[in-house]
């Protein structure tokens, strides 16, 4: 494992610096559209390379944070502009009925900023929550500020972890995998609860009539 990781780091280190920063930014950004992208590992690798003098840790952080925030806000803006129309279609109404959309909008009005802040630390939810904030028409700054704060905190930790762990790569990768696995299990449980609430609210709407 150690030898493989060191070989990988040497390979990345042989790439032009500008390209490495671009890869860090792309990894952090694309996660907002395709959650399986291992963006956390990409940022940690950036921190490791910074400790070894190949990159600047501050720039790794800024690139990762700005890229992730920019595309997350892009998802929010697109959902705010086009999401309502999507849920007015036949399939959209099957997924979320008007009454369910109204309840979601009320929830975001009361707890949207806190939900966004917390969700950024959990896989999958960090992708979905900004989209639903847009669909619920939560205000731009009430969305952007918690996104910016949570993303900054997370990427600062990842870069710092990479800097500290550059001499013990397998341990930090193992620890990060454990953290993400735990967060994924929590996200799965929360997701199951949300599906149950979705089904319950939908069933309630049916019993109450059109």
N, C-alpha and C. Protein backbone atom coordinates (compact mmCIF):
# COMPACT_ATOMS: atom_id res chain seq x y z
N UNK A 1 0.84 -1.21 0.00
CA UNK A 1 0.00 0.00 0.00
C UNK A 1 0.87 1.26 0.00
N UNK A 2 1.88 1.27 0.91
CA UNK A 2 2.78 2.42 1.00
C UNK A 2 3.48 2.66 -0.33
N UNK A 3 4.00 1.56 -0.93
CA UNK A 3 4.73 1.70 -2.18
C UNK A 3 3.83 2.18 -3.31
N UNK A 4 2.60 1.65 -3.35
CA UNK A 4 1.66 2.04 -4.40
C UNK A 4 1.30 3.53 -4.27
N UNK A 5 1.03 3.97 -3.04
CA UNK A 5 0.68 5.36 -2.84
C UNK A 5 1.85 6.27 -3.17
N UNK A 6 3.05 5.88 -2.79
CA UNK A 6 4.21 6.70 -3.10
C UNK A 6 4.43 6.79 -4.61
N UNK A 7 4.21 5.67 -5.30
CA UNK A 7 4.34 5.68 -6.76
C UNK A 7 3.29 6.60 -7.39
N UNK A 8 2.09 6.56 -6.84
CA UNK A 8 1.02 7.43 -7.34
C UNK A 8 1.38 8.90 -7.11
N UNK A 9 1.89 9.21 -5.91
CA UNK A 9 2.27 10.59 -5.60
C UNK A 9 3.40 11.08 -6.50
N UNK A 10 4.35 10.19 -6.80
CA UNK A 10 5.42 10.58 -7.71
C UNK A 10 4.87 10.86 -9.10
N UNK A 11 3.89 10.04 -9.52
CA UNK A 11 3.28 10.25 -10.83
C UNK A 11 2.56 11.60 -10.89
N UNK A 12 1.77 11.89 -9.86
CA UNK A 12 1.06 13.17 -9.82
C UNK A 12 2.05 14.33 -9.74
N UNK A 13 3.12 14.12 -8.95
CA UNK A 13 4.12 15.16 -8.81
C UNK A 13 4.85 15.47 -10.09
N UNK A 14 4.85 14.54 -11.05
CA UNK A 14 5.53 14.77 -12.33
C UNK A 14 4.67 15.57 -13.31
N UNK A 15 3.39 15.76 -12.97
CA UNK A 15 2.48 16.53 -13.83
C UNK A 15 2.73 18.02 -13.59
N UNK A 16 2.59 18.87 -14.61
CA UNK A 16 2.74 20.31 -14.40
C UNK A 16 1.86 20.81 -13.26
N UNK A 17 2.39 21.72 -12.47
CA UNK A 17 1.69 22.21 -11.28
C UNK A 17 0.31 22.75 -11.62
N UNK A 18 0.21 23.48 -12.70
CA UNK A 18 -1.09 24.06 -13.07
C UNK A 18 -2.13 22.98 -13.29
N UNK A 19 -1.70 21.87 -13.90
CA UNK A 19 -2.61 20.76 -14.17
C UNK A 19 -3.07 20.10 -12.87
N UNK A 20 -2.17 20.00 -11.90
CA UNK A 20 -2.54 19.40 -10.61
C UNK A 20 -3.59 20.26 -9.91
N UNK A 21 -3.39 21.57 -9.91
CA UNK A 21 -4.39 22.46 -9.31
C UNK A 21 -5.73 22.31 -10.04
N UNK A 22 -5.66 22.18 -11.36
CA UNK A 22 -6.89 22.01 -12.15
C UNK A 22 -7.59 20.72 -11.75
N UNK A 23 -6.84 19.64 -11.55
CA UNK A 23 -7.43 18.36 -11.15
C UNK A 23 -8.06 18.46 -9.76
N UNK A 24 -7.40 19.18 -8.85
CA UNK A 24 -7.98 19.39 -7.51
C UNK A 24 -9.31 20.13 -7.62
N UNK A 25 -9.33 21.19 -8.43
CA UNK A 25 -10.56 21.96 -8.60
C UNK A 25 -11.66 21.15 -9.24
N UNK A 26 -11.32 20.39 -10.28
CA UNK A 26 -12.33 19.56 -10.96
C UNK A 26 -12.87 18.49 -10.01
N UNK A 27 -12.00 17.86 -9.25
CA UNK A 27 -12.45 16.83 -8.31
C UNK A 27 -13.41 17.39 -7.29
N UNK A 28 -13.09 18.56 -6.74
CA UNK A 28 -13.96 19.17 -5.73
C UNK A 28 -15.27 19.64 -6.33
N UNK A 29 -15.25 20.09 -7.58
CA UNK A 29 -16.45 20.63 -8.20
C UNK A 29 -17.39 19.53 -8.68
N UNK A 30 -16.84 18.54 -9.38
CA UNK A 30 -17.67 17.51 -10.02
C UNK A 30 -18.44 16.69 -9.00
N UNK A 31 -17.95 16.66 -7.77
CA UNK A 31 -18.67 15.93 -6.72
C UNK A 31 -20.12 16.41 -6.60
N UNK A 32 -20.38 17.68 -6.92
CA UNK A 32 -21.73 18.22 -6.83
C UNK A 32 -22.67 17.63 -7.87
N UNK A 33 -22.10 17.02 -8.91
CA UNK A 33 -22.92 16.41 -9.95
C UNK A 33 -22.82 14.89 -9.93
N UNK A 34 -21.69 14.38 -9.48
CA UNK A 34 -21.45 12.93 -9.50
C UNK A 34 -20.77 12.53 -8.19
N UNK A 35 -21.57 12.22 -7.15
CA UNK A 35 -21.03 11.96 -5.81
C UNK A 35 -19.94 10.91 -5.72
N UNK A 36 -19.94 9.84 -6.58
CA UNK A 36 -18.88 8.83 -6.42
C UNK A 36 -17.46 9.34 -6.67
N UNK A 37 -17.30 10.54 -7.25
CA UNK A 37 -15.96 11.07 -7.47
C UNK A 37 -15.26 11.21 -6.11
N UNK A 38 -14.05 10.64 -5.96
CA UNK A 38 -13.35 10.69 -4.66
C UNK A 38 -12.69 12.05 -4.42
N UNK A 39 -13.50 13.09 -4.32
CA UNK A 39 -12.97 14.44 -4.21
C UNK A 39 -12.16 14.64 -2.93
N UNK A 40 -12.57 13.98 -1.84
CA UNK A 40 -11.85 14.14 -0.58
C UNK A 40 -10.41 13.64 -0.71
N UNK A 41 -10.24 12.49 -1.36
CA UNK A 41 -8.90 11.93 -1.55
C UNK A 41 -8.05 12.87 -2.42
N UNK A 42 -8.68 13.45 -3.45
CA UNK A 42 -7.96 14.37 -4.33
C UNK A 42 -7.41 15.55 -3.53
N UNK A 43 -8.23 16.11 -2.64
CA UNK A 43 -7.79 17.26 -1.85
C UNK A 43 -6.71 16.86 -0.84
N UNK A 44 -6.86 15.70 -0.24
CA UNK A 44 -5.82 15.21 0.69
C UNK A 44 -4.50 15.04 -0.05
N UNK A 45 -4.54 14.50 -1.25
CA UNK A 45 -3.32 14.35 -2.05
C UNK A 45 -2.70 15.72 -2.32
N UNK A 46 -3.56 16.71 -2.57
CA UNK A 46 -3.05 18.07 -2.75
C UNK A 46 -2.32 18.56 -1.50
N UNK A 47 -2.86 18.25 -0.32
CA UNK A 47 -2.19 18.62 0.92
C UNK A 47 -0.86 17.90 1.09
N UNK A 48 -0.81 16.64 0.72
CA UNK A 48 0.44 15.88 0.80
C UNK A 48 1.51 16.48 -0.11
N UNK A 49 1.11 16.81 -1.34
CA UNK A 49 2.06 17.41 -2.27
C UNK A 49 2.51 18.78 -1.82
N UNK A 50 1.63 19.49 -1.11
CA UNK A 50 2.00 20.80 -0.56
C UNK A 50 3.07 20.64 0.51
N UNK A 51 2.91 19.62 1.36
CA UNK A 51 3.91 19.38 2.41
C UNK A 51 5.26 19.02 1.81
N UNK A 52 5.24 18.42 0.63
CA UNK A 52 6.49 18.01 -0.01
C UNK A 52 7.05 19.09 -0.93
N UNK A 53 6.45 20.26 -0.86
CA UNK A 53 6.99 21.41 -1.59
C UNK A 53 6.59 21.50 -3.04
N UNK A 54 5.67 20.65 -3.50
CA UNK A 54 5.27 20.67 -4.90
C UNK A 54 4.11 21.64 -5.16
N UNK A 55 3.28 21.88 -4.16
CA UNK A 55 2.14 22.78 -4.27
C UNK A 55 2.13 23.73 -3.08
N UNK A 56 1.25 24.71 -3.14
CA UNK A 56 1.04 25.63 -2.03
C UNK A 56 -0.25 25.22 -1.32
N UNK A 57 -0.17 24.91 -0.03
CA UNK A 57 -1.34 24.42 0.71
C UNK A 57 -2.48 25.42 0.68
N UNK A 58 -2.17 26.70 0.79
CA UNK A 58 -3.22 27.72 0.77
C UNK A 58 -3.94 27.74 -0.57
N UNK A 59 -3.18 27.57 -1.63
CA UNK A 59 -3.79 27.58 -2.96
C UNK A 59 -4.60 26.31 -3.19
N UNK A 60 -4.12 25.18 -2.69
CA UNK A 60 -4.90 23.94 -2.77
C UNK A 60 -6.26 24.14 -2.11
N UNK A 61 -6.26 24.73 -0.92
CA UNK A 61 -7.50 24.99 -0.21
C UNK A 61 -8.42 25.91 -1.00
N UNK A 62 -7.88 27.02 -1.47
CA UNK A 62 -8.71 28.00 -2.19
C UNK A 62 -9.30 27.40 -3.45
N UNK A 63 -8.49 26.65 -4.20
CA UNK A 63 -8.97 26.04 -5.45
C UNK A 63 -10.09 25.04 -5.16
N UNK A 64 -9.86 24.17 -4.17
CA UNK A 64 -10.87 23.16 -3.83
C UNK A 64 -12.16 23.82 -3.32
N UNK A 65 -12.01 24.75 -2.40
CA UNK A 65 -13.17 25.42 -1.80
C UNK A 65 -13.96 26.21 -2.83
N UNK A 66 -13.28 27.04 -3.61
CA UNK A 66 -13.97 27.88 -4.59
C UNK A 66 -14.65 27.04 -5.66
N UNK A 67 -13.98 25.99 -6.13
CA UNK A 67 -14.56 25.14 -7.17
C UNK A 67 -15.80 24.44 -6.68
N UNK A 68 -15.71 23.86 -5.47
CA UNK A 68 -16.85 23.16 -4.91
C UNK A 68 -18.02 24.11 -4.67
N UNK A 69 -17.73 25.28 -4.10
CA UNK A 69 -18.78 26.25 -3.80
C UNK A 69 -19.43 26.77 -5.07
N UNK A 70 -18.62 27.06 -6.08
CA UNK A 70 -19.15 27.62 -7.33
C UNK A 70 -20.15 26.67 -7.98
N UNK A 71 -19.78 25.38 -8.08
CA UNK A 71 -20.69 24.44 -8.75
C UNK A 71 -21.89 24.11 -7.87
N UNK A 72 -21.70 24.08 -6.54
CA UNK A 72 -22.85 23.85 -5.65
C UNK A 72 -23.87 24.97 -5.81
N UNK A 73 -23.39 26.21 -5.90
CA UNK A 73 -24.30 27.34 -6.11
C UNK A 73 -24.91 27.29 -7.51
N UNK A 74 -24.15 26.76 -8.47
CA UNK A 74 -24.71 26.58 -9.81
C UNK A 74 -25.88 25.61 -9.79
N UNK A 75 -25.73 24.51 -9.03
CA UNK A 75 -26.83 23.54 -8.87
C UNK A 75 -28.03 24.22 -8.22
N UNK A 76 -27.76 25.01 -7.18
CA UNK A 76 -28.84 25.74 -6.49
C UNK A 76 -29.57 26.68 -7.44
N UNK A 77 -28.83 27.47 -8.21
CA UNK A 77 -29.45 28.44 -9.13
C UNK A 77 -30.25 27.73 -10.20
N UNK A 78 -29.69 26.64 -10.76
CA UNK A 78 -30.42 25.89 -11.80
C UNK A 78 -31.70 25.29 -11.23
N UNK A 79 -31.61 24.75 -10.01
CA UNK A 79 -32.81 24.16 -9.39
C UNK A 79 -33.85 25.24 -9.07
N UNK A 80 -33.39 26.39 -8.65
CA UNK A 80 -34.32 27.50 -8.35
C UNK A 80 -35.04 27.96 -9.60
N UNK A 81 -34.31 27.96 -10.70
CA UNK A 81 -34.89 28.47 -11.96
C UNK A 81 -35.77 27.44 -12.67
N UNK A 82 -35.31 26.18 -12.68
CA UNK A 82 -36.00 25.18 -13.49
C UNK A 82 -36.69 24.08 -12.67
N UNK A 83 -36.38 23.97 -11.38
CA UNK A 83 -36.92 22.87 -10.59
C UNK A 83 -38.42 22.87 -10.46
N UNK A 84 -39.01 24.07 -10.30
CA UNK A 84 -40.46 24.13 -10.16
C UNK A 84 -41.17 23.59 -11.38
N UNK A 85 -40.65 23.89 -12.56
CA UNK A 85 -41.26 23.39 -13.79
C UNK A 85 -41.15 21.88 -13.89
N UNK A 86 -40.03 21.33 -13.43
CA UNK A 86 -39.87 19.88 -13.48
C UNK A 86 -40.93 19.17 -12.65
N UNK A 87 -41.25 19.72 -11.48
CA UNK A 87 -42.22 19.08 -10.60
C UNK A 87 -43.67 19.37 -10.98
N UNK A 88 -43.85 20.14 -12.06
CA UNK A 88 -45.21 20.34 -12.56
C UNK A 88 -45.57 19.32 -13.63
N UNK A 89 -44.58 18.50 -14.04
CA UNK A 89 -44.85 17.45 -15.01
C UNK A 89 -45.49 16.24 -14.32
N UNK A 90 -45.92 15.28 -15.13
CA UNK A 90 -46.58 14.09 -14.57
C UNK A 90 -45.63 13.33 -13.65
N UNK A 91 -44.40 13.09 -14.10
CA UNK A 91 -43.44 12.36 -13.28
C UNK A 91 -43.00 13.17 -12.08
N UNK A 92 -42.89 14.49 -12.28
CA UNK A 92 -42.53 15.35 -11.16
C UNK A 92 -43.57 15.34 -10.07
N UNK A 93 -44.86 15.36 -10.47
CA UNK A 93 -45.94 15.32 -9.48
C UNK A 93 -46.00 13.97 -8.79
N UNK A 94 -45.57 12.91 -9.49
CA UNK A 94 -45.52 11.60 -8.83
C UNK A 94 -44.44 11.61 -7.75
N UNK A 95 -43.29 12.24 -8.06
CA UNK A 95 -42.20 12.27 -7.10
C UNK A 95 -42.53 13.14 -5.89
N UNK A 96 -42.99 14.33 -6.13
CA UNK A 96 -43.38 15.24 -5.06
C UNK A 96 -44.66 15.96 -5.45
N UNK A 97 -45.68 15.72 -4.70
CA UNK A 97 -46.94 16.40 -4.94
C UNK A 97 -46.88 17.85 -4.46
N UNK A 98 -47.78 18.69 -4.95
CA UNK A 98 -47.76 20.10 -4.53
C UNK A 98 -47.75 20.28 -3.02
N UNK A 99 -48.53 19.47 -2.30
CA UNK A 99 -48.56 19.60 -0.84
C UNK A 99 -47.20 19.25 -0.23
N UNK A 100 -46.53 18.24 -0.81
CA UNK A 100 -45.21 17.87 -0.31
C UNK A 100 -44.17 18.96 -0.60
N UNK A 101 -44.28 19.57 -1.77
CA UNK A 101 -43.38 20.67 -2.10
C UNK A 101 -43.60 21.84 -1.14
N UNK A 102 -44.86 22.09 -0.82
CA UNK A 102 -45.16 23.19 0.11
C UNK A 102 -44.56 22.92 1.48
N UNK A 103 -44.66 21.66 1.96
CA UNK A 103 -44.09 21.31 3.25
C UNK A 103 -42.56 21.46 3.22
N UNK A 104 -41.94 21.04 2.12
CA UNK A 104 -40.50 21.15 2.00
C UNK A 104 -40.08 22.62 2.00
N UNK A 105 -40.84 23.46 1.33
CA UNK A 105 -40.52 24.89 1.31
C UNK A 105 -40.62 25.49 2.70
N UNK A 106 -41.62 25.09 3.45
CA UNK A 106 -41.76 25.58 4.83
C UNK A 106 -40.60 25.10 5.70
N UNK A 107 -40.19 23.84 5.50
CA UNK A 107 -39.05 23.31 6.26
C UNK A 107 -37.79 24.11 5.96
N UNK A 108 -37.53 24.36 4.68
CA UNK A 108 -36.34 25.11 4.31
C UNK A 108 -36.41 26.55 4.81
N UNK A 109 -37.61 27.11 4.86
CA UNK A 109 -37.75 28.47 5.37
C UNK A 109 -37.34 28.53 6.84
N UNK A 110 -37.66 27.48 7.59
CA UNK A 110 -37.35 27.47 9.03
C UNK A 110 -35.94 26.95 9.32
N UNK A 111 -35.52 25.89 8.60
CA UNK A 111 -34.28 25.21 8.96
C UNK A 111 -33.30 25.07 7.79
N UNK A 112 -33.53 25.78 6.71
CA UNK A 112 -32.73 25.58 5.51
C UNK A 112 -31.25 25.82 5.70
N UNK A 113 -30.88 26.93 6.34
CA UNK A 113 -29.47 27.27 6.51
C UNK A 113 -28.76 26.20 7.35
N UNK A 114 -29.39 25.77 8.44
CA UNK A 114 -28.79 24.74 9.29
C UNK A 114 -28.69 23.42 8.55
N UNK A 115 -29.71 23.07 7.78
CA UNK A 115 -29.70 21.82 7.01
C UNK A 115 -28.55 21.82 6.02
N UNK A 116 -28.36 22.93 5.33
CA UNK A 116 -27.27 23.03 4.35
C UNK A 116 -25.93 22.92 5.05
N UNK A 117 -25.79 23.60 6.18
CA UNK A 117 -24.52 23.59 6.92
C UNK A 117 -24.14 22.17 7.33
N UNK A 118 -25.09 21.43 7.88
CA UNK A 118 -24.80 20.08 8.38
C UNK A 118 -24.62 19.09 7.23
N UNK A 119 -25.43 19.23 6.18
CA UNK A 119 -25.42 18.24 5.09
C UNK A 119 -24.11 18.20 4.34
N UNK A 120 -23.35 19.28 4.34
CA UNK A 120 -22.10 19.31 3.59
C UNK A 120 -21.06 18.33 4.12
N UNK A 121 -21.30 17.77 5.31
CA UNK A 121 -20.36 16.82 5.89
C UNK A 121 -20.78 15.38 5.64
N UNK A 122 -21.84 15.17 4.85
CA UNK A 122 -22.34 13.83 4.60
C UNK A 122 -22.40 13.57 3.10
N UNK A 123 -21.88 12.40 2.66
CA UNK A 123 -21.95 12.06 1.24
C UNK A 123 -23.39 12.06 0.74
N UNK A 124 -23.56 12.33 -0.54
CA UNK A 124 -24.84 12.34 -1.24
C UNK A 124 -25.69 13.54 -0.81
N UNK A 125 -25.92 13.70 0.50
CA UNK A 125 -26.76 14.82 0.95
C UNK A 125 -26.13 16.15 0.59
N UNK A 126 -24.80 16.21 0.57
CA UNK A 126 -24.14 17.46 0.23
C UNK A 126 -24.44 17.85 -1.21
N UNK A 127 -24.86 16.87 -2.02
CA UNK A 127 -25.24 17.13 -3.41
C UNK A 127 -26.72 17.50 -3.51
N UNK A 128 -27.57 16.79 -2.78
CA UNK A 128 -29.02 16.96 -2.92
C UNK A 128 -29.55 18.22 -2.25
N UNK A 129 -28.99 18.57 -1.10
CA UNK A 129 -29.56 19.66 -0.31
C UNK A 129 -29.54 21.00 -1.04
N UNK A 130 -28.44 21.41 -1.71
CA UNK A 130 -28.50 22.67 -2.45
C UNK A 130 -29.56 22.68 -3.55
N UNK A 131 -29.75 21.51 -4.19
CA UNK A 131 -30.77 21.43 -5.23
C UNK A 131 -32.16 21.65 -4.65
N UNK A 132 -32.45 21.02 -3.53
CA UNK A 132 -33.76 21.19 -2.92
C UNK A 132 -33.91 22.58 -2.31
N UNK A 133 -32.79 23.20 -1.92
CA UNK A 133 -32.87 24.59 -1.46
C UNK A 133 -33.32 25.49 -2.61
N UNK A 134 -32.81 25.21 -3.81
CA UNK A 134 -33.24 25.98 -4.97
C UNK A 134 -34.69 25.73 -5.32
N UNK A 135 -35.11 24.47 -5.28
CA UNK A 135 -36.51 24.15 -5.58
C UNK A 135 -37.43 24.80 -4.57
N UNK A 136 -36.99 24.87 -3.31
CA UNK A 136 -37.79 25.50 -2.26
C UNK A 136 -37.70 27.02 -2.29
N UNK A 137 -36.86 27.54 -3.20
CA UNK A 137 -36.68 28.98 -3.37
C UNK A 137 -36.16 29.65 -2.10
N UNK A 138 -35.26 28.96 -1.43
CA UNK A 138 -34.57 29.56 -0.30
C UNK A 138 -33.69 30.69 -0.82
N UNK A 139 -33.59 31.78 -0.06
CA UNK A 139 -32.83 32.94 -0.50
C UNK A 139 -31.38 32.61 -0.82
N UNK A 140 -30.80 33.39 -1.74
CA UNK A 140 -29.43 33.11 -2.20
C UNK A 140 -28.44 33.14 -1.04
N UNK A 141 -28.44 34.20 -0.24
CA UNK A 141 -27.44 34.31 0.83
C UNK A 141 -27.69 33.31 1.94
N UNK A 142 -28.94 32.94 2.17
CA UNK A 142 -29.23 31.92 3.18
C UNK A 142 -28.74 30.55 2.71
N UNK A 143 -28.53 30.42 1.42
CA UNK A 143 -27.95 29.19 0.88
C UNK A 143 -26.44 29.30 0.76
N UNK A 144 -25.97 30.43 0.23
CA UNK A 144 -24.55 30.57 -0.07
C UNK A 144 -23.68 30.61 1.19
N UNK A 145 -24.13 31.31 2.22
CA UNK A 145 -23.28 31.45 3.41
C UNK A 145 -23.02 30.12 4.12
N UNK A 146 -24.07 29.32 4.44
CA UNK A 146 -23.75 28.03 5.06
C UNK A 146 -22.97 27.09 4.15
N UNK A 147 -23.22 27.17 2.84
CA UNK A 147 -22.41 26.37 1.90
C UNK A 147 -20.95 26.77 1.99
N UNK A 148 -20.69 28.08 1.97
CA UNK A 148 -19.32 28.57 2.00
C UNK A 148 -18.62 28.20 3.31
N UNK A 149 -19.33 28.35 4.42
CA UNK A 149 -18.73 28.05 5.73
C UNK A 149 -18.42 26.56 5.88
N UNK A 150 -19.41 25.72 5.54
CA UNK A 150 -19.22 24.27 5.70
C UNK A 150 -18.13 23.74 4.77
N UNK A 151 -18.14 24.20 3.51
CA UNK A 151 -17.14 23.74 2.56
C UNK A 151 -15.75 24.21 2.98
N UNK A 152 -15.64 25.44 3.47
CA UNK A 152 -14.35 25.95 3.92
C UNK A 152 -13.82 25.11 5.08
N UNK A 153 -14.68 24.81 6.04
CA UNK A 153 -14.26 24.02 7.20
C UNK A 153 -13.79 22.63 6.77
N UNK A 154 -14.55 22.00 5.88
CA UNK A 154 -14.22 20.64 5.47
C UNK A 154 -12.92 20.58 4.69
N UNK A 155 -12.76 21.47 3.72
CA UNK A 155 -11.55 21.43 2.90
C UNK A 155 -10.32 21.89 3.67
N UNK A 156 -10.49 22.78 4.63
CA UNK A 156 -9.36 23.15 5.48
C UNK A 156 -8.87 21.94 6.27
N UNK A 157 -9.81 21.15 6.79
CA UNK A 157 -9.43 19.94 7.52
C UNK A 157 -8.72 18.95 6.60
N UNK A 158 -9.23 18.78 5.39
CA UNK A 158 -8.62 17.81 4.46
C UNK A 158 -7.21 18.23 4.06
N UNK A 159 -7.03 19.50 3.74
CA UNK A 159 -5.69 19.96 3.36
C UNK A 159 -4.73 19.82 4.53
N UNK A 160 -5.17 20.23 5.71
CA UNK A 160 -4.33 20.12 6.91
C UNK A 160 -3.98 18.67 7.20
N UNK A 161 -4.96 17.77 7.03
CA UNK A 161 -4.70 16.34 7.23
C UNK A 161 -3.66 15.84 6.25
N UNK A 162 -3.75 16.28 5.00
CA UNK A 162 -2.76 15.87 4.01
C UNK A 162 -1.37 16.35 4.36
N UNK A 163 -1.27 17.60 4.83
CA UNK A 163 0.03 18.15 5.22
C UNK A 163 0.62 17.36 6.39
N UNK A 164 -0.21 17.06 7.39
CA UNK A 164 0.27 16.34 8.57
C UNK A 164 0.63 14.89 8.26
N UNK A 165 -0.10 14.31 7.31
CA UNK A 165 0.04 12.87 7.10
C UNK A 165 0.91 12.51 5.90
N UNK A 166 1.65 13.46 5.36
CA UNK A 166 2.41 13.17 4.14
C UNK A 166 3.47 12.09 4.37
N UNK A 167 3.85 11.87 5.64
CA UNK A 167 4.83 10.82 5.93
C UNK A 167 4.15 9.51 6.33
N UNK A 168 2.84 9.52 6.40
CA UNK A 168 2.11 8.32 6.80
C UNK A 168 0.84 8.23 5.97
N UNK A 169 1.00 8.11 4.68
CA UNK A 169 -0.11 8.17 3.73
C UNK A 169 -1.17 7.10 3.97
N UNK A 170 -0.80 5.83 4.14
CA UNK A 170 -1.84 4.80 4.31
C UNK A 170 -2.74 5.08 5.50
N UNK A 171 -2.18 5.61 6.60
CA UNK A 171 -3.00 5.84 7.79
C UNK A 171 -4.06 6.89 7.54
N UNK A 172 -3.70 8.00 6.88
CA UNK A 172 -4.68 9.06 6.64
C UNK A 172 -5.73 8.60 5.63
N UNK A 173 -5.31 7.83 4.62
CA UNK A 173 -6.29 7.31 3.66
C UNK A 173 -7.26 6.37 4.35
N UNK A 174 -6.73 5.50 5.24
CA UNK A 174 -7.59 4.59 5.99
C UNK A 174 -8.55 5.34 6.90
N UNK A 175 -8.01 6.37 7.58
CA UNK A 175 -8.87 7.16 8.48
C UNK A 175 -9.95 7.88 7.70
N UNK A 176 -9.60 8.45 6.55
CA UNK A 176 -10.58 9.17 5.74
C UNK A 176 -11.64 8.22 5.20
N UNK A 177 -11.21 7.01 4.81
CA UNK A 177 -12.16 6.01 4.33
C UNK A 177 -13.14 5.64 5.44
N UNK A 178 -12.62 5.48 6.67
CA UNK A 178 -13.49 5.14 7.80
C UNK A 178 -14.48 6.26 8.07
N UNK A 179 -14.00 7.50 8.05
CA UNK A 179 -14.88 8.65 8.28
C UNK A 179 -15.98 8.71 7.23
N UNK A 180 -15.59 8.57 5.96
CA UNK A 180 -16.58 8.64 4.88
C UNK A 180 -17.56 7.47 4.94
N UNK A 181 -17.05 6.29 5.34
CA UNK A 181 -17.95 5.13 5.47
C UNK A 181 -18.96 5.36 6.57
N UNK A 182 -18.50 5.88 7.71
CA UNK A 182 -19.41 6.18 8.82
C UNK A 182 -20.43 7.22 8.42
N UNK A 183 -19.94 8.28 7.77
CA UNK A 183 -20.86 9.32 7.32
C UNK A 183 -21.84 8.77 6.29
N UNK A 184 -21.37 7.84 5.45
CA UNK A 184 -22.26 7.24 4.47
C UNK A 184 -23.35 6.40 5.11
N UNK A 185 -23.00 5.66 6.18
CA UNK A 185 -24.00 4.87 6.90
C UNK A 185 -25.04 5.79 7.54
N UNK A 186 -24.56 6.87 8.17
CA UNK A 186 -25.49 7.84 8.77
C UNK A 186 -26.39 8.44 7.69
N UNK A 187 -25.80 8.79 6.54
CA UNK A 187 -26.58 9.36 5.45
C UNK A 187 -27.62 8.36 4.95
N UNK A 188 -27.24 7.07 4.90
CA UNK A 188 -28.18 6.03 4.46
C UNK A 188 -29.36 5.93 5.43
N UNK A 189 -29.07 5.97 6.73
CA UNK A 189 -30.14 5.90 7.73
C UNK A 189 -31.06 7.12 7.64
N UNK A 190 -30.44 8.28 7.49
CA UNK A 190 -31.25 9.50 7.35
C UNK A 190 -32.07 9.45 6.07
N UNK A 191 -31.44 8.93 5.00
CA UNK A 191 -32.16 8.80 3.74
C UNK A 191 -33.35 7.87 3.86
N UNK A 192 -33.18 6.77 4.57
CA UNK A 192 -34.30 5.85 4.79
C UNK A 192 -35.42 6.53 5.55
N UNK A 193 -35.05 7.33 6.56
CA UNK A 193 -36.06 8.06 7.32
C UNK A 193 -36.79 9.06 6.44
N UNK A 194 -36.04 9.73 5.55
CA UNK A 194 -36.68 10.70 4.65
C UNK A 194 -37.62 10.01 3.66
N UNK A 195 -37.21 8.83 3.17
CA UNK A 195 -38.10 8.09 2.27
C UNK A 195 -39.38 7.70 2.99
N UNK A 196 -39.25 7.29 4.25
CA UNK A 196 -40.44 6.95 5.03
C UNK A 196 -41.34 8.17 5.23
N UNK A 197 -40.74 9.31 5.52
CA UNK A 197 -41.52 10.54 5.68
C UNK A 197 -42.17 10.94 4.36
N UNK A 198 -41.44 10.74 3.24
CA UNK A 198 -42.01 11.04 1.93
C UNK A 198 -43.23 10.16 1.67
N UNK A 199 -43.09 8.86 1.95
CA UNK A 199 -44.20 7.93 1.73
C UNK A 199 -45.38 8.25 2.65
N UNK A 200 -45.08 8.58 3.88
CA UNK A 200 -46.15 8.90 4.84
C UNK A 200 -46.90 10.16 4.43
N UNK A 201 -46.15 11.20 4.02
CA UNK A 201 -46.82 12.43 3.60
C UNK A 201 -47.62 12.22 2.33
N UNK A 202 -47.10 11.38 1.43
CA UNK A 202 -47.82 11.08 0.19
C UNK A 202 -49.09 10.31 0.49
N UNK A 203 -49.00 9.33 1.40
CA UNK A 203 -50.18 8.55 1.79
C UNK A 203 -51.21 9.44 2.46
N UNK A 204 -50.71 10.38 3.28
CA UNK A 204 -51.63 11.31 3.93
C UNK A 204 -52.37 12.16 2.94
N UNK A 205 -51.63 12.61 1.89
CA UNK A 205 -52.27 13.41 0.85
C UNK A 205 -53.37 12.62 0.13
N UNK A 206 -53.11 11.32 -0.09
CA UNK A 206 -54.10 10.51 -0.78
C UNK A 206 -55.36 10.31 0.05
N UNK A 207 -55.18 10.12 1.38
CA UNK A 207 -56.35 9.91 2.23
C UNK A 207 -57.16 11.18 2.41
N UNK A 208 -56.47 12.36 2.26
CA UNK A 208 -57.19 13.59 2.42
C UNK A 208 -57.92 14.00 1.16
N UNK A 209 -57.59 13.32 0.05
CA UNK A 209 -58.27 13.64 -1.19
C UNK A 209 -57.48 14.61 -2.01
N UNK A 210 -57.94 14.93 -3.26
CA UNK A 210 -57.18 15.79 -4.17
C UNK A 210 -57.16 17.22 -3.67
